[in-house]
Amino acid sequence: MIDIELGGGPGRGVLAWMLLAFVVTFLVTRLITRMIRAHRGPFHNLRLGNVHVHHEVYGIFLMLVTGALEFAYQPPSPWLEVLAAAFACGAALTLDEFALWLRLQDVYWTNEGRTSVDAVLVTATIGGLLLLGADPLAPDAGTGALAVGVTVAVNLTFAFVAIAKGKTSAGIIGIVVPIVAVVAALRLAKPGSLWARRWYRPGSQRLARSRARYPSGMRTWWDKVLDKVGGTG
């Protein structure tokens, strides 16, 4: 087993293997699903009778098996890295169909299905940040438990506000990098968000500014990233 160490102890090496396995599995999965959709290559959808078995099913079972093996045996290296990588493969397969188990509908190639790509990219980003040393739960030397608890609570508050304002990706990333959540939380909410529906009264200046800032059909750089990674509907 190749030893991947980026500092911070053996846990960082395990995280590196997980991130690598997660990204590779997602990219390979998207390649295969595109080939199936285009009727190219040897791949095809698996069906049991009239039931289409989605690849999230494989991912769920893979996470269950690897998680059970880790808890039951707690193996040393290199089997620890093997189980971690296998668990990450299962997570990638499952999150690639996040929109399906969120909506309980097959929306893989629709606009709603882009939520899956959001989930994968955000997860990979958080994994990369953790790998580089970002850790919101690591107290500074001399910092008491109360101060750590207050800091974490404040960070989570900003993250939840960002999510309520319709900026889910920024809110989740902000849990690891608080400044991202702070900036997102302080800016205007998106018109259809929970925050806007609760606090932006019809006809108010803030709602008008929000609609001007986020017009219907607006496409951002993030949408272009989703097109490249997830494919178009």
Protein backbone atom coordinates (compact mmCIF):
# COMPACT_ATOMS: atom_id res chain seq x y z
CA MET A 1 0.00 0.00 0.00
CA ILE A 2 1.41 3.39 -0.98
CA ASP A 3 1.77 5.61 2.06
CA ILE A 4 0.03 8.94 1.53
CA GLU A 5 0.92 11.36 4.30
CA LEU A 6 0.30 15.09 4.16
CA GLY A 7 1.06 15.77 7.79
CA GLY A 8 -1.26 15.59 10.76
CA GLY A 9 -0.82 11.89 11.54
CA PRO A 10 -2.08 8.65 9.97
CA GLY A 11 -5.67 9.91 9.86
CA ARG A 12 -4.70 12.36 7.15
CA GLY A 13 -3.37 9.51 5.03
CA VAL A 14 -6.66 7.63 5.36
CA LEU A 15 -8.53 10.78 4.37
CA ALA A 16 -6.32 11.14 1.30
CA TRP A 17 -7.19 7.63 0.15
CA MET A 18 -10.88 8.29 0.78
CA LEU A 19 -10.83 11.50 -1.24
CA LEU A 20 -8.97 9.89 -4.12
CA ALA A 21 -11.35 6.92 -4.22
CA PHE A 22 -14.38 9.20 -3.95
CA VAL A 23 -13.37 11.46 -6.86
CA VAL A 24 -12.25 8.62 -9.15
CA THR A 25 -15.43 6.61 -8.50
CA PHE A 26 -17.64 9.60 -9.22
CA LEU A 27 -15.85 10.44 -12.49
CA VAL A 28 -15.92 6.82 -13.67
CA THR A 29 -19.60 6.52 -12.73
CA ARG A 30 -20.52 9.65 -14.67
CA LEU A 31 -18.56 8.40 -17.68
CA ILE A 32 -20.36 5.06 -17.62
CA THR A 33 -23.82 6.62 -17.19
CA ARG A 34 -23.18 8.93 -20.14
CA MET A 35 -22.11 5.97 -22.26
CA ILE A 36 -25.25 4.05 -21.26
CA ARG A 37 -27.40 7.05 -22.14
CA ALA A 38 -25.68 7.36 -25.53
CA HIS A 39 -25.93 3.57 -26.13
CA ARG A 40 -22.18 3.29 -26.46
CA GLY A 41 -19.88 0.60 -25.12
CA PRO A 42 -20.68 -2.64 -23.27
CA PHE A 43 -22.50 -1.02 -20.36
CA HIS A 44 -26.24 -1.13 -19.74
CA ASN A 45 -28.74 -0.55 -16.96
CA LEU A 46 -29.38 -3.45 -14.61
CA ARG A 47 -33.03 -4.43 -14.31
CA LEU A 48 -34.73 -6.97 -12.09
CA GLY A 49 -38.01 -7.50 -13.89
CA ASN A 50 -39.45 -4.00 -14.34
CA VAL A 51 -37.26 -2.51 -11.60
CA HIS A 52 -34.25 -0.41 -12.57
CA VAL A 53 -31.52 -1.06 -10.01
CA HIS A 54 -29.77 2.28 -9.56
CA HIS A 55 -26.09 2.39 -8.69
CA GLU A 56 -26.90 4.05 -5.36
CA VAL A 57 -28.01 0.56 -4.25
CA TYR A 58 -24.48 -0.75 -4.76
CA GLY A 59 -23.13 2.25 -2.90
CA ILE A 60 -25.41 1.76 0.10
CA PHE A 61 -24.48 -1.90 0.46
CA LEU A 62 -20.78 -1.10 0.02
CA MET A 63 -20.92 1.49 2.81
CA LEU A 64 -22.83 -0.88 5.08
CA VAL A 65 -20.37 -3.73 4.55
CA THR A 66 -17.21 -1.65 4.89
CA GLY A 67 -18.59 0.22 7.90
CA ALA A 68 -19.50 -3.05 9.63
CA LEU A 69 -16.06 -4.53 8.93
CA GLU A 70 -14.32 -1.44 10.31
CA PHE A 71 -16.38 -1.41 13.51
CA ALA A 72 -16.11 -5.17 14.01
CA TYR A 73 -12.43 -5.70 13.29
CA GLN A 74 -10.75 -2.25 13.33
CA PRO A 75 -7.96 -3.56 11.08
CA PRO A 76 -4.51 -1.99 10.96
CA SER A 77 -2.83 -0.60 7.84
CA PRO A 78 -3.03 -1.44 4.97
CA TRP A 79 -6.55 -2.90 5.45
CA LEU A 80 -7.67 0.30 7.15
CA GLU A 81 -6.90 2.23 3.97
CA VAL A 82 -8.59 -0.45 1.85
CA LEU A 83 -11.81 -0.22 3.86
CA ALA A 84 -11.68 3.58 3.86
CA ALA A 85 -11.28 3.70 0.08
CA ALA A 86 -14.08 1.16 -0.41
CA PHE A 87 -16.36 3.16 1.89
CA ALA A 88 -15.60 6.30 -0.15
CA CYS A 89 -16.44 4.44 -3.37
CA GLY A 90 -19.81 3.55 -1.87
CA ALA A 91 -20.35 7.15 -0.79
CA ALA A 92 -19.62 8.39 -4.31
CA LEU A 93 -22.06 5.92 -5.87
CA THR A 94 -24.73 6.94 -3.38
CA LEU A 95 -24.25 10.71 -3.56
CA ASP A 96 -24.16 10.57 -7.36
CA GLU A 97 -27.87 9.80 -7.06
CA PHE A 98 -28.50 12.13 -4.12
CA ALA A 99 -31.36 13.85 -5.98
CA LEU A 100 -33.11 10.52 -6.47
CA TRP A 101 -33.24 9.54 -2.82
CA LEU A 102 -34.00 13.13 -1.86
CA ARG A 103 -37.03 13.37 -4.17
CA LEU A 104 -37.86 9.65 -4.46
CA GLN A 105 -38.03 10.11 -8.23
CA ASP A 106 -35.71 9.27 -11.12
CA VAL A 107 -34.52 12.81 -11.90
CA TYR A 108 -30.92 11.88 -12.74
CA TRP A 109 -30.77 13.74 -16.08
CA THR A 110 -33.11 16.60 -15.20
CA ASN A 111 -32.37 20.01 -13.72
CA GLU A 112 -33.44 18.68 -10.32
CA GLY A 113 -30.84 15.95 -10.74
CA ARG A 114 -28.09 18.57 -10.62
CA THR A 115 -28.51 18.45 -6.84
CA SER A 116 -26.53 15.20 -6.98
CA VAL A 117 -23.58 16.92 -8.62
CA ASP A 118 -23.83 19.71 -6.05
CA ALA A 119 -23.68 17.14 -3.25
CA VAL A 120 -20.65 15.38 -4.73
CA LEU A 121 -18.69 18.55 -5.47
CA VAL A 122 -19.39 20.00 -2.04
CA THR A 123 -18.37 16.74 -0.37
CA ALA A 124 -15.15 16.58 -2.40
CA THR A 125 -14.41 20.23 -1.57
CA ILE A 126 -14.88 19.62 2.15
CA GLY A 127 -12.67 16.52 1.92
CA GLY A 128 -9.98 18.54 0.18
CA LEU A 129 -10.15 21.31 2.78
CA LEU A 130 -9.89 18.80 5.62
CA LEU A 131 -6.94 17.20 3.86
CA LEU A 132 -5.22 20.58 3.70
CA GLY A 133 -5.70 21.05 7.42
CA ALA A 134 -8.99 22.92 7.82
CA ASP A 135 -10.63 21.68 11.01
CA PRO A 136 -13.32 23.82 12.68
CA LEU A 137 -13.42 21.50 15.70
CA ALA A 138 -9.70 21.67 16.49
CA PRO A 139 -9.22 24.02 19.46
CA ASP A 140 -6.22 26.33 19.67
CA ALA A 141 -3.76 25.81 22.45
CA GLY A 142 -5.16 27.21 25.68
CA THR A 143 -8.71 27.52 24.34
CA GLY A 144 -11.33 26.30 26.80
CA ALA A 145 -14.22 24.00 25.98
CA LEU A 146 -16.74 26.82 26.42
CA ALA A 147 -14.96 29.07 23.92
CA VAL A 148 -14.74 26.20 21.43
CA GLY A 149 -18.43 25.45 21.87
CA VAL A 150 -19.43 29.08 21.35
CA THR A 151 -17.23 29.36 18.25
CA VAL A 152 -18.69 26.21 16.71
CA ALA A 153 -22.25 27.37 17.52
CA VAL A 154 -21.64 30.75 15.86
CA ASN A 155 -20.11 29.09 12.79
CA LEU A 156 -23.07 26.72 12.48
CA THR A 157 -25.50 29.62 12.84
CA PHE A 158 -23.94 31.43 9.90
CA ALA A 159 -23.93 28.19 7.91
CA PHE A 160 -27.63 27.55 8.56
CA VAL A 161 -28.51 31.15 7.64
CA ALA A 162 -26.60 30.76 4.36
CA ILE A 163 -28.48 27.55 3.60
CA ALA A 164 -31.81 29.21 4.49
CA LYS A 165 -30.93 31.99 2.04
CA GLY A 166 -30.71 29.41 -0.74
CA LYS A 167 -26.91 29.12 -0.76
CA THR A 168 -26.62 25.50 0.20
CA SER A 169 -23.13 24.86 -1.16
CA ALA A 170 -21.66 27.92 0.54
CA GLY A 171 -23.39 27.01 3.80
CA ILE A 172 -22.04 23.46 3.83
CA ILE A 173 -18.53 24.51 2.86
CA GLY A 174 -18.78 27.24 5.48
CA ILE A 175 -19.01 24.62 8.21
CA VAL A 176 -15.36 23.85 7.45
CA VAL A 177 -14.31 27.34 6.28
CA PRO A 178 -16.44 29.74 8.37
CA ILE A 179 -15.68 32.87 6.32
CA VAL A 180 -17.54 31.34 3.35
CA ALA A 181 -20.70 30.94 5.43
CA VAL A 182 -20.34 34.43 6.94
CA VAL A 183 -20.15 36.10 3.52
CA ALA A 184 -23.07 34.05 2.15
CA ALA A 185 -25.18 34.72 5.26
CA LEU A 186 -24.66 38.48 5.06
CA ARG A 187 -25.61 38.77 1.39
CA LEU A 188 -29.09 38.88 -0.14
CA ALA A 189 -31.19 35.74 -0.04
CA LYS A 190 -32.36 34.11 -3.24
CA PRO A 191 -36.03 34.96 -4.05
CA GLY A 192 -37.44 31.47 -3.58
CA SER A 193 -35.42 30.61 -0.49
CA LEU A 194 -36.85 29.92 2.96
CA TRP A 195 -35.32 33.16 4.26
CA ALA A 196 -36.87 35.28 1.50
CA ARG A 197 -40.30 33.74 1.98
CA ARG A 198 -40.12 34.43 5.70
CA TRP A 199 -38.50 37.87 5.84
CA TYR A 200 -38.88 39.53 2.41
CA ARG A 201 -42.45 40.90 2.28
CA PRO A 202 -44.21 41.05 -1.11
CA GLY A 203 -43.51 44.42 -2.70
CA SER A 204 -40.60 45.16 -0.36
CA GLN A 205 -37.37 46.70 -1.56
CA ARG A 206 -35.35 43.73 -0.37
CA LEU A 207 -37.46 41.30 -2.41
CA ALA A 208 -37.09 43.53 -5.47
CA ARG A 209 -33.32 43.66 -4.98
CA SER A 210 -33.23 39.89 -4.55
CA ARG A 211 -35.14 39.30 -7.79
CA ALA A 212 -32.88 41.73 -9.61
CA ARG A 213 -29.78 40.01 -8.22
CA TYR A 214 -31.07 36.50 -8.96
CA PRO A 215 -33.38 36.76 -12.01
CA SER A 216 -35.34 33.73 -13.19
CA GLY A 217 -33.26 31.56 -15.51
CA MET A 218 -30.00 33.12 -14.38
CA ARG A 219 -26.95 30.94 -15.04
CA THR A 220 -23.76 31.27 -13.05
CA TRP A 221 -20.24 29.87 -13.33
CA TRP A 222 -21.37 27.08 -11.00
CA ASP A 223 -24.06 26.05 -13.50
CA LYS A 224 -21.35 25.77 -16.18
CA VAL A 225 -19.34 23.55 -13.86
CA LEU A 226 -22.40 21.34 -13.38
CA ASP A 227 -22.83 21.12 -17.16
CA LYS A 228 -19.25 19.94 -17.59
CA VAL A 229 -19.30 17.46 -14.72
CA GLY A 230 -22.86 16.18 -14.75
CA GLY A 231 -23.76 16.53 -18.41
CA THR A 232 -26.76 18.35 -19.81
CA GLY A 233 -30.31 17.14 -19.45
